[in-house]
Amino acid sequence: MPIRVAITDDHPLVINGLRNTLALYDHIEFCGGYTTGGALLEYLNGQQPDVLLLDVQLPDLAGNKLAAMISEQWPEIRILALSAMDSSFHVLDMLQSGCAGYLLKHTDEATLIAAIEQVHSGGQ
């Protein structure tokens, strides 16, 4: 069964780039891209991914607040924070808010796939 991955980022090009990257892997299934926290929450009310790639900065909800809400309501969703901000403050904040990991947007493809697989299997 493939790992179902959703992406929330306020930049559609980031979502499309990640979707195209994930499409190269048979064991990963892209199940939706959302540009706001509100759109993501609407989706989650109907179905949930296994792994969520979550931008730290969204136009309507802060990533840490959204991660905390998701972790409380849907604890089975494994969240990977995705950000351009290389700050220990943001990393710690997102991990304390329920994320299983934190990736920088300039990470390489192999690291992204390994992180998705690792958090899906329960790791950090």
Protein backbone atom coordinates (compact mmCIF):
# COMPACT_ATOMS: atom_id res chain seq x y z
CA MET A 1 0.00 0.00 0.00
CA PRO A 2 1.51 3.37 -0.97
CA ILE A 3 2.34 6.14 1.48
CA ARG A 4 -0.33 8.80 0.99
CA VAL A 5 1.22 12.29 1.06
CA ALA A 6 -0.55 15.68 1.14
CA ILE A 7 1.22 19.01 0.76
CA THR A 8 0.26 22.39 2.21
CA ASP A 9 2.24 25.36 0.95
CA ASP A 10 1.11 28.83 -0.08
CA HIS A 11 3.17 28.61 -3.28
CA PRO A 12 1.48 26.51 -6.00
CA LEU A 13 4.83 26.03 -7.77
CA VAL A 14 6.24 24.37 -4.65
CA ILE A 15 3.24 22.03 -4.48
CA ASN A 16 3.56 21.18 -8.18
CA GLY A 17 7.30 20.60 -7.92
CA LEU A 18 6.88 18.31 -4.93
CA ARG A 19 3.99 16.47 -6.60
CA ASN A 20 6.14 15.86 -9.69
CA THR A 21 8.99 14.59 -7.52
CA LEU A 22 6.74 12.25 -5.54
CA ALA A 23 5.25 10.88 -8.79
CA LEU A 24 8.64 9.30 -9.55
CA TYR A 25 8.19 6.88 -6.62
CA ASP A 26 5.72 4.00 -6.94
CA HIS A 27 5.42 3.58 -3.18
CA ILE A 28 4.28 7.19 -2.65
CA GLU A 29 0.88 8.57 -3.65
CA PHE A 30 0.17 12.31 -3.85
CA CYS A 31 -3.29 12.83 -2.40
CA GLY A 32 -3.70 16.59 -2.48
CA GLY A 33 -2.14 20.02 -2.44
CA TYR A 34 -3.50 22.94 -0.43
CA THR A 35 -2.44 26.59 -0.36
CA THR A 36 -4.09 27.50 2.96
CA GLY A 37 -4.57 25.91 6.34
CA GLY A 38 -8.34 26.27 5.96
CA ALA A 39 -8.35 24.30 2.71
CA LEU A 40 -6.24 21.60 4.36
CA LEU A 41 -8.59 21.32 7.35
CA GLU A 42 -11.56 20.99 5.00
CA TYR A 43 -9.81 18.09 3.25
CA LEU A 44 -8.86 16.44 6.54
CA ASN A 45 -12.48 16.40 7.66
CA GLY A 46 -13.16 13.90 4.86
CA GLN A 47 -9.93 11.93 4.55
CA GLN A 48 -6.42 11.93 5.92
CA PRO A 49 -2.99 11.36 4.39
CA ASP A 50 -0.35 9.22 6.04
CA VAL A 51 2.20 12.04 5.83
CA LEU A 52 1.65 15.78 5.55
CA LEU A 53 4.32 18.15 4.21
CA LEU A 54 3.43 21.40 5.98
CA ASP A 55 4.84 24.84 5.23
CA VAL A 56 5.70 26.81 8.37
CA GLN A 57 4.26 30.07 7.03
CA LEU A 58 0.76 30.10 5.55
CA PRO A 59 -1.44 33.11 4.82
CA ASP A 60 -4.29 32.15 7.15
CA LEU A 61 -2.88 29.97 9.94
CA ALA A 62 0.59 29.72 11.44
CA GLY A 63 2.22 26.36 10.77
CA ASN A 64 2.83 25.67 14.45
CA LYS A 65 -0.84 26.26 15.32
CA LEU A 66 -2.00 24.13 12.41
CA ALA A 67 0.42 21.32 13.34
CA ALA A 68 -0.85 21.35 16.93
CA MET A 69 -4.48 21.22 15.78
CA ILE A 70 -3.80 18.33 13.39
CA SER A 71 -1.74 16.40 15.95
CA GLU A 72 -4.56 16.67 18.45
CA GLN A 73 -7.45 15.86 16.12
CA TRP A 74 -5.71 13.36 13.79
CA PRO A 75 -2.73 11.93 15.73
CA GLU A 76 -2.17 9.24 13.09
CA ILE A 77 -1.07 11.85 10.52
CA ARG A 78 2.71 12.20 10.53
CA ILE A 79 3.73 15.81 9.85
CA LEU A 80 6.95 17.00 8.23
CA ALA A 81 7.46 20.75 8.48
CA LEU A 82 8.79 22.23 5.27
CA SER A 83 10.40 25.65 5.35
CA ALA A 84 12.99 27.97 3.89
CA MET A 85 13.75 29.21 7.43
CA ASP A 86 16.90 27.63 8.83
CA SER A 87 16.38 28.68 12.42
CA SER A 88 16.62 26.51 15.52
CA PHE A 89 13.70 28.49 16.98
CA HIS A 90 11.40 27.43 14.12
CA VAL A 91 12.64 23.83 14.15
CA LEU A 92 12.02 23.46 17.89
CA ASP A 93 8.68 25.26 17.69
CA MET A 94 7.39 22.96 14.94
CA LEU A 95 8.67 19.80 16.67
CA GLN A 96 7.01 20.88 19.93
CA SER A 97 3.79 21.51 17.98
CA GLY A 98 3.59 17.90 16.85
CA CYS A 99 5.77 17.60 13.76
CA ALA A 100 7.84 14.45 13.36
CA GLY A 101 10.50 16.26 11.36
CA TYR A 102 11.65 19.53 9.79
CA LEU A 103 13.01 19.84 6.27
CA LEU A 104 14.46 22.84 4.51
CA LYS A 105 13.01 23.58 1.09
CA HIS A 106 16.45 23.34 -0.48
CA THR A 107 16.87 19.74 0.67
CA ASP A 108 17.66 17.13 -1.96
CA GLU A 109 15.20 14.60 -3.32
CA ALA A 110 16.79 11.60 -1.60
CA THR A 111 16.54 13.29 1.81
CA LEU A 112 12.89 14.20 1.20
CA ILE A 113 11.93 10.64 0.27
CA ALA A 114 13.93 9.16 3.16
CA ALA A 115 12.22 11.59 5.59
CA ILE A 116 8.77 10.66 4.30
CA GLU A 117 9.56 6.96 4.67
CA GLN A 118 11.07 7.44 8.12
CA VAL A 119 8.20 9.42 9.63
CA HIS A 120 5.67 7.09 7.99
CA SER A 121 7.29 4.18 9.80
CA GLY A 122 7.06 6.02 13.13
CA GLY A 123 10.48 7.66 13.27
CA GLN A 124 11.56 11.27 13.45
